[in-house]
Amino acid sequence: MNPATVKSPPKRSEQKRARETKCKILNAALKEFSAAGFEGVSTRAIASTAGVNHTLITHHFGTKEDLWKAAAEAIFDTYTEQSEKYLQSLGDLEQPQRVRELLRHYINFSAEFPDFHRFMIQANRGDSELLNWFTDQYIQPYSDSELDLFKQAQKLGLMPKGDSLHVRYLFMGAVTSIFTFAPQFKRLSGTDPFSKDIVEQHIDYIFTIFADKDRQA
């Protein structure tokens, strides 16, 4: 029997297992970093959450800083992929409806991936060099893109007049608070903030609060 025909399938199997292991580690890292920040969690804790041997983190990612950066890349890649797919699904909608739908998508994404914003909140509390890298690599490019959307929304009366960057952060805070404080909200209200009905209600509230009443009058 040719040895090559015996060794090839295990190699493919090993590659698949390696990908699955990296995915488990990344998901665990995102969860732990979002909850406790870079300084607040160890790679051993991440390995425990992922259910893998601690040495596999070093093998696949290197240092904890490298793993943190990989987690940042993964969550922003997810956001980009989801946003581009949603944008393509809108087809030839008129601009007012298109802008509104893109804002709606941002809120839905925040509900579906609450660790996206939790990760960013924790990044502001950690190492300044990591924060600078994170801001330059991801926050600045995405901010520039989103500011264009917010300026369009302001012209259409979907957002109040004023500094677009300031309005963007006001919007982000209003959108994400119910999901960031989900356990508190659920305890106080007895309802799940991630349920479809509550998310839809939240979207209606956000659009009502942020609409420029003078512009829409």
C-alpha atoms as a PDB file:
ATOM      1  CA  MET A   1       0.000   0.000   0.000  1.00  0.00           C
ATOM      2  CA  ASN A   2       1.289   3.455  -0.857  1.00  0.00           C
ATOM      3  CA  PRO A   3       2.073   5.284   2.438  1.00  0.00           C
ATOM      4  CA  ALA A   4       0.946   8.595   0.973  1.00  0.00           C
ATOM      5  CA  THR A   5      -2.610   7.345   0.643  1.00  0.00           C
ATOM      6  CA  VAL A   6      -2.623   6.466   4.335  1.00  0.00           C
ATOM      7  CA  LYS A   7      -1.158   9.722   5.619  1.00  0.00           C
ATOM      8  CA  SER A   8      -3.219  12.145   3.558  1.00  0.00           C
ATOM      9  CA  PRO A   9      -6.659  11.719   5.250  1.00  0.00           C
ATOM     10  CA  PRO A  10      -5.250  12.147   8.786  1.00  0.00           C
ATOM     11  CA  LYS A  11      -3.503  15.329   7.630  1.00  0.00           C
ATOM     12  CA  ARG A  12      -6.775  16.769   6.365  1.00  0.00           C
ATOM     13  CA  SER A  13      -8.418  15.676   9.597  1.00  0.00           C
ATOM     14  CA  GLU A  14      -5.690  17.384  11.612  1.00  0.00           C
ATOM     15  CA  GLN A  15      -6.177  20.601   9.638  1.00  0.00           C
ATOM     16  CA  LYS A  16      -9.899  20.489  10.358  1.00  0.00           C
ATOM     17  CA  ARG A  17      -9.283  19.894  14.062  1.00  0.00           C
ATOM     18  CA  ALA A  18      -6.802  22.768  14.109  1.00  0.00           C
ATOM     19  CA  ARG A  19      -9.388  25.114  12.595  1.00  0.00           C
ATOM     20  CA  GLU A  20     -12.012  23.961  15.061  1.00  0.00           C
ATOM     21  CA  THR A  21      -9.598  24.434  17.961  1.00  0.00           C
ATOM     22  CA  LYS A  22      -8.696  27.958  16.813  1.00  0.00           C
ATOM     23  CA  CYS A  23     -12.388  28.794  16.513  1.00  0.00           C
ATOM     24  CA  LYS A  24     -13.071  27.531  20.044  1.00  0.00           C
ATOM     25  CA  ILE A  25     -10.184  29.570  21.408  1.00  0.00           C
ATOM     26  CA  LEU A  26     -11.269  32.728  19.572  1.00  0.00           C
ATOM     27  CA  ASN A  27     -14.865  32.425  20.798  1.00  0.00           C
ATOM     28  CA  ALA A  28     -13.665  31.865  24.342  1.00  0.00           C
ATOM     29  CA  ALA A  29     -11.212  34.753  24.106  1.00  0.00           C
ATOM     30  CA  LEU A  30     -13.889  37.117  22.856  1.00  0.00           C
ATOM     31  CA  LYS A  31     -16.203  36.079  25.689  1.00  0.00           C
ATOM     32  CA  GLU A  32     -13.553  36.443  28.388  1.00  0.00           C
ATOM     33  CA  PHE A  33     -11.973  39.657  27.082  1.00  0.00           C
ATOM     34  CA  SER A  34     -15.431  41.206  26.685  1.00  0.00           C
ATOM     35  CA  ALA A  35     -16.282  40.380  30.283  1.00  0.00           C
ATOM     36  CA  ALA A  36     -13.010  41.182  32.054  1.00  0.00           C
ATOM     37  CA  GLY A  37     -10.755  43.040  29.628  1.00  0.00           C
ATOM     38  CA  PHE A  38      -7.193  42.294  28.600  1.00  0.00           C
ATOM     39  CA  GLU A  39      -5.713  42.575  32.096  1.00  0.00           C
ATOM     40  CA  GLY A  40      -8.577  40.813  33.833  1.00  0.00           C
ATOM     41  CA  VAL A  41      -8.269  37.379  32.252  1.00  0.00           C
ATOM     42  CA  SER A  42      -5.475  34.856  31.803  1.00  0.00           C
ATOM     43  CA  THR A  43      -4.817  32.620  28.850  1.00  0.00           C
ATOM     44  CA  ARG A  44      -5.350  29.648  31.175  1.00  0.00           C
ATOM     45  CA  ALA A  45      -8.865  30.909  31.911  1.00  0.00           C
ATOM     46  CA  ILE A  46      -9.516  31.301  28.195  1.00  0.00           C
ATOM     47  CA  ALA A  47      -8.225  27.772  27.558  1.00  0.00           C
ATOM     48  CA  SER A  48     -10.525  26.468  30.286  1.00  0.00           C
ATOM     49  CA  THR A  49     -13.528  28.226  28.744  1.00  0.00           C
ATOM     50  CA  ALA A  50     -12.588  26.848  25.327  1.00  0.00           C
ATOM     51  CA  GLY A  51     -12.091  23.369  26.753  1.00  0.00           C
ATOM     52  CA  VAL A  52      -8.590  23.033  25.303  1.00  0.00           C
ATOM     53  CA  ASN A  53      -5.080  22.570  26.619  1.00  0.00           C
ATOM     54  CA  HIS A  54      -3.425  25.843  27.586  1.00  0.00           C
ATOM     55  CA  THR A  55      -0.428  25.168  25.352  1.00  0.00           C
ATOM     56  CA  LEU A  56      -2.653  25.257  22.263  1.00  0.00           C
ATOM     57  CA  ILE A  57      -3.167  28.997  22.699  1.00  0.00           C
ATOM     58  CA  THR A  58       0.552  29.609  22.402  1.00  0.00           C
ATOM     59  CA  HIS A  59       0.755  27.162  19.527  1.00  0.00           C
ATOM     60  CA  HIS A  60      -2.024  28.784  17.482  1.00  0.00           C
ATOM     61  CA  PHE A  61      -1.819  32.441  18.499  1.00  0.00           C
ATOM     62  CA  GLY A  62       1.409  33.158  20.376  1.00  0.00           C
ATOM     63  CA  THR A  63       1.097  35.663  23.233  1.00  0.00           C
ATOM     64  CA  LYS A  64      -2.009  36.888  25.032  1.00  0.00           C
ATOM     65  CA  GLU A  65      -1.640  40.184  23.185  1.00  0.00           C
ATOM     66  CA  ASP A  66      -1.634  38.324  19.859  1.00  0.00           C
ATOM     67  CA  LEU A  67      -4.771  36.466  20.920  1.00  0.00           C
ATOM     68  CA  TRP A  68      -6.471  39.720  21.931  1.00  0.00           C
ATOM     69  CA  LYS A  69      -5.687  41.217  18.529  1.00  0.00           C
ATOM     70  CA  ALA A  70      -6.971  38.081  16.809  1.00  0.00           C
ATOM     71  CA  ALA A  71     -10.228  38.358  18.767  1.00  0.00           C
ATOM     72  CA  ALA A  72     -10.568  42.003  17.728  1.00  0.00           C
ATOM     73  CA  GLU A  73     -10.016  41.049  14.103  1.00  0.00           C
ATOM     74  CA  ALA A  74     -12.542  38.209  14.323  1.00  0.00           C
ATOM     75  CA  ILE A  75     -15.387  40.309  15.715  1.00  0.00           C
ATOM     76  CA  PHE A  76     -14.834  43.130  13.230  1.00  0.00           C
ATOM     77  CA  ASP A  77     -14.615  40.633  10.372  1.00  0.00           C
ATOM     78  CA  THR A  78     -17.971  39.285  11.507  1.00  0.00           C
ATOM     79  CA  TYR A  79     -19.442  42.791  11.570  1.00  0.00           C
ATOM     80  CA  THR A  80     -18.070  43.562   8.102  1.00  0.00           C
ATOM     81  CA  GLU A  81     -19.351  40.316   6.632  1.00  0.00           C
ATOM     82  CA  GLN A  82     -22.809  40.737   8.156  1.00  0.00           C
ATOM     83  CA  SER A  83     -23.039  44.397   7.088  1.00  0.00           C
ATOM     84  CA  GLU A  84     -21.966  43.756   3.499  1.00  0.00           C
ATOM     85  CA  LYS A  85     -24.390  40.858   3.192  1.00  0.00           C
ATOM     86  CA  TYR A  86     -27.231  42.989   4.554  1.00  0.00           C
ATOM     87  CA  LEU A  87     -26.358  45.904   2.276  1.00  0.00           C
ATOM     88  CA  GLN A  88     -26.506  43.629  -0.765  1.00  0.00           C
ATOM     89  CA  SER A  89     -29.906  42.359   0.335  1.00  0.00           C
ATOM     90  CA  LEU A  90     -31.367  45.872   0.224  1.00  0.00           C
ATOM     91  CA  GLY A  91     -31.265  46.006  -3.551  1.00  0.00           C
ATOM     92  CA  ASP A  92     -32.403  49.307  -5.085  1.00  0.00           C
ATOM     93  CA  LEU A  93     -34.163  50.875  -2.111  1.00  0.00           C
ATOM     94  CA  GLU A  94     -34.521  54.637  -2.107  1.00  0.00           C
ATOM     95  CA  GLN A  95     -31.950  56.447   0.037  1.00  0.00           C
ATOM     96  CA  PRO A  96     -34.228  57.295   3.018  1.00  0.00           C
ATOM     97  CA  GLN A  97     -35.310  53.672   3.404  1.00  0.00           C
ATOM     98  CA  ARG A  98     -31.792  52.374   2.774  1.00  0.00           C
ATOM     99  CA  VAL A  99     -30.303  54.590   5.501  1.00  0.00           C
ATOM    100  CA  ARG A 100     -33.043  53.607   7.922  1.00  0.00           C
ATOM    101  CA  GLU A 101     -32.485  49.911   7.195  1.00  0.00           C
ATOM    102  CA  LEU A 102     -28.727  50.224   7.733  1.00  0.00           C
ATOM    103  CA  LEU A 103     -29.331  51.847  11.126  1.00  0.00           C
ATOM    104  CA  ARG A 104     -31.803  49.077  11.921  1.00  0.00           C
ATOM    105  CA  HIS A 105     -29.181  46.490  10.974  1.00  0.00           C
ATOM    106  CA  TYR A 106     -26.698  48.117  13.378  1.00  0.00           C
ATOM    107  CA  ILE A 107     -29.200  47.723  16.221  1.00  0.00           C
ATOM    108  CA  ASN A 108     -30.004  44.129  15.291  1.00  0.00           C
ATOM    109  CA  PHE A 109     -26.321  43.284  15.087  1.00  0.00           C
ATOM    110  CA  SER A 110     -25.784  44.799  18.535  1.00  0.00           C
ATOM    111  CA  ALA A 111     -28.485  42.511  19.888  1.00  0.00           C
ATOM    112  CA  GLU A 112     -27.154  39.440  18.111  1.00  0.00           C
ATOM    113  CA  PHE A 113     -23.504  40.064  19.040  1.00  0.00           C
ATOM    114  CA  PRO A 114     -23.502  41.968  22.368  1.00  0.00           C
ATOM    115  CA  ASP A 115     -19.843  41.065  22.947  1.00  0.00           C
ATOM    116  CA  PHE A 116     -18.975  43.329  19.998  1.00  0.00           C
ATOM    117  CA  HIS A 117     -19.590  46.446  22.091  1.00  0.00           C
ATOM    118  CA  ARG A 118     -18.551  44.889  25.387  1.00  0.00           C
ATOM    119  CA  PHE A 119     -15.173  44.177  23.832  1.00  0.00           C
ATOM    120  CA  MET A 120     -14.843  47.815  22.765  1.00  0.00           C
ATOM    121  CA  ILE A 121     -15.837  49.061  26.224  1.00  0.00           C
ATOM    122  CA  GLN A 122     -13.209  46.873  27.867  1.00  0.00           C
ATOM    123  CA  ALA A 123     -10.590  48.016  25.348  1.00  0.00           C
ATOM    124  CA  ASN A 124     -10.956  51.562  26.697  1.00  0.00           C
ATOM    125  CA  ARG A 125     -10.008  50.398  30.193  1.00  0.00           C
ATOM    126  CA  GLY A 126      -6.883  48.458  29.306  1.00  0.00           C
ATOM    127  CA  ASP A 127      -3.397  48.967  28.002  1.00  0.00           C
ATOM    128  CA  SER A 128      -3.037  52.307  26.185  1.00  0.00           C
ATOM    129  CA  GLU A 129      -0.813  50.826  23.461  1.00  0.00           C
ATOM    130  CA  LEU A 130      -3.405  48.141  22.713  1.00  0.00           C
ATOM    131  CA  LEU A 131      -6.126  50.795  22.669  1.00  0.00           C
ATOM    132  CA  ASN A 132      -4.105  52.908  20.233  1.00  0.00           C
ATOM    133  CA  TRP A 133      -3.565  49.879  17.985  1.00  0.00           C
ATOM    134  CA  PHE A 134      -7.253  48.991  18.199  1.00  0.00           C
ATOM    135  CA  THR A 135      -8.355  52.543  17.416  1.00  0.00           C
ATOM    136  CA  ASP A 136      -5.999  52.958  14.465  1.00  0.00           C
ATOM    137  CA  GLN A 137      -6.616  49.492  13.041  1.00  0.00           C
ATOM    138  CA  TYR A 138     -10.402  49.233  13.419  1.00  0.00           C
ATOM    139  CA  ILE A 139     -12.218  52.056  15.209  1.00  0.00           C
ATOM    140  CA  GLN A 140     -10.991  54.883  12.963  1.00  0.00           C
ATOM    141  CA  PRO A 141     -11.817  53.190   9.627  1.00  0.00           C
ATOM    142  CA  TYR A 142     -15.224  52.047  10.849  1.00  0.00           C
ATOM    143  CA  SER A 143     -15.943  55.421  12.411  1.00  0.00           C
ATOM    144  CA  ASP A 144     -15.207  57.172   9.114  1.00  0.00           C
ATOM    145  CA  SER A 145     -17.577  54.833   7.291  1.00  0.00           C
ATOM    146  CA  GLU A 146     -20.334  55.159   9.898  1.00  0.00           C
ATOM    147  CA  LEU A 147     -20.015  58.942  10.020  1.00  0.00           C
ATOM    148  CA  ASP A 148     -20.973  59.079   6.371  1.00  0.00           C
ATOM    149  CA  LEU A 149     -24.103  57.073   7.205  1.00  0.00           C
ATOM    150  CA  PHE A 150     -24.931  59.345  10.150  1.00  0.00           C
ATOM    151  CA  LYS A 151     -24.503  62.490   8.040  1.00  0.00           C
ATOM    152  CA  GLN A 152     -26.965  61.049   5.541  1.00  0.00           C
ATOM    153  CA  ALA A 153     -29.340  60.221   8.405  1.00  0.00           C
ATOM    154  CA  GLN A 154     -29.051  63.791   9.699  1.00  0.00           C
ATOM    155  CA  LYS A 155     -29.928  65.221   6.289  1.00  0.00           C
ATOM    156  CA  LEU A 156     -32.979  62.959   6.172  1.00  0.00           C
ATOM    157  CA  GLY A 157     -34.143  63.933   9.650  1.00  0.00           C
ATOM    158  CA  LEU A 158     -33.455  60.491  11.118  1.00  0.00           C
ATOM    159  CA  MET A 159     -30.822  61.955  13.439  1.00  0.00           C
ATOM    160  CA  PRO A 160     -30.572  65.339  15.202  1.00  0.00           C
ATOM    161  CA  LYS A 161     -28.434  68.127  13.836  1.00  0.00           C
ATOM    162  CA  GLY A 162     -24.968  68.747  15.250  1.00  0.00           C
ATOM    163  CA  ASP A 163     -21.587  67.100  15.440  1.00  0.00           C
ATOM    164  CA  SER A 164     -21.921  63.761  13.661  1.00  0.00           C
ATOM    165  CA  LEU A 165     -19.292  62.020  15.766  1.00  0.00           C
ATOM    166  CA  HIS A 166     -20.981  63.132  18.980  1.00  0.00           C
ATOM    167  CA  VAL A 167     -24.354  61.990  17.683  1.00  0.00           C
ATOM    168  CA  ARG A 168     -22.810  58.656  16.697  1.00  0.00           C
ATOM    169  CA  TYR A 169     -21.639  58.013  20.255  1.00  0.00           C
ATOM    170  CA  LEU A 170     -25.009  59.053  21.659  1.00  0.00           C
ATOM    171  CA  PHE A 171     -26.646  56.591  19.276  1.00  0.00           C
ATOM    172  CA  MET A 172     -24.211  53.803  20.207  1.00  0.00           C
ATOM    173  CA  GLY A 173     -24.874  54.331  23.914  1.00  0.00           C
ATOM    174  CA  ALA A 174     -28.639  54.277  23.486  1.00  0.00           C
ATOM    175  CA  VAL A 175     -28.542  51.249  21.199  1.00  0.00           C
ATOM    176  CA  THR A 176     -26.241  49.085  23.287  1.00  0.00           C
ATOM    177  CA  SER A 177     -27.191  49.871  26.892  1.00  0.00           C
ATOM    178  CA  ILE A 178     -30.125  47.452  27.054  1.00  0.00           C
ATOM    179  CA  PHE A 179     -27.906  44.646  25.757  1.00  0.00           C
ATOM    180  CA  THR A 180     -24.836  45.563  27.816  1.00  0.00           C
ATOM    181  CA  PHE A 181     -26.973  45.602  30.972  1.00  0.00           C
ATOM    182  CA  ALA A 182     -29.093  42.673  29.851  1.00  0.00           C
ATOM    183  CA  PRO A 183     -29.030  40.760  33.185  1.00  0.00           C
ATOM    184  CA  GLN A 184     -30.186  43.877  35.081  1.00  0.00           C
ATOM    185  CA  PHE A 185     -32.895  44.648  32.555  1.00  0.00           C
ATOM    186  CA  LYS A 186     -34.164  41.077  32.635  1.00  0.00           C
ATOM    187  CA  ARG A 187     -34.186  41.048  36.450  1.00  0.00           C
ATOM    188  CA  LEU A 188     -36.087  44.334  36.640  1.00  0.00           C
ATOM    189  CA  SER A 189     -38.515  43.801  33.765  1.00  0.00           C
ATOM    190  CA  GLY A 190     -38.926  40.046  33.707  1.00  0.00           C
ATOM    191  CA  THR A 191     -38.423  40.112  29.950  1.00  0.00           C
ATOM    192  CA  ASP A 192     -35.559  39.027  27.745  1.00  0.00           C
ATOM    193  CA  PRO A 193     -33.936  42.053  26.031  1.00  0.00           C
ATOM    194  CA  PHE A 194     -32.723  39.762  23.243  1.00  0.00           C
ATOM    195  CA  SER A 195     -36.207  38.506  22.373  1.00  0.00           C
ATOM    196  CA  LYS A 196     -37.524  39.513  18.954  1.00  0.00           C
ATOM    197  CA  ASP A 197     -40.385  41.595  20.360  1.00  0.00           C
ATOM    198  CA  ILE A 198     -38.172  43.590  22.731  1.00  0.00           C
ATOM    199  CA  VAL A 199     -35.534  44.199  20.060  1.00  0.00           C
ATOM    200  CA  GLU A 200     -38.211  45.498  17.674  1.00  0.00           C
ATOM    201  CA  GLN A 201     -39.602  47.713  20.418  1.00  0.00           C
ATOM    202  CA  HIS A 202     -36.092  48.951  21.131  1.00  0.00           C
ATOM    203  CA  ILE A 203     -35.588  49.832  17.462  1.00  0.00           C
ATOM    204  CA  ASP A 204     -38.846  51.828  17.443  1.00  0.00           C
ATOM    205  CA  TYR A 205     -37.791  53.703  20.582  1.00  0.00           C
ATOM    206  CA  ILE A 206     -34.370  54.524  19.141  1.00  0.00           C
ATOM    207  CA  PHE A 207     -35.796  55.937  15.913  1.00  0.00           C
ATOM    208  CA  THR A 208     -38.357  57.960  17.863  1.00  0.00           C
ATOM    209  CA  ILE A 209     -35.785  59.390  20.263  1.00  0.00           C
ATOM    210  CA  PHE A 210     -33.218  60.315  17.635  1.00  0.00           C
ATOM    211  CA  ALA A 211     -35.507  61.644  14.913  1.00  0.00           C
ATOM    212  CA  ASP A 212     -35.004  65.346  14.203  1.00  0.00           C
ATOM    213  CA  LYS A 213     -38.526  66.563  14.872  1.00  0.00           C
ATOM    214  CA  ASP A 214     -37.910  69.966  13.228  1.00  0.00           C
ATOM    215  CA  ARG A 215     -36.482  68.325  10.088  1.00  0.00           C
ATOM    216  CA  GLN A 216     -39.358  65.852   9.794  1.00  0.00           C
ATOM    217  CA  ALA A 217     -42.106  68.379  10.514  1.00  0.00           C
END
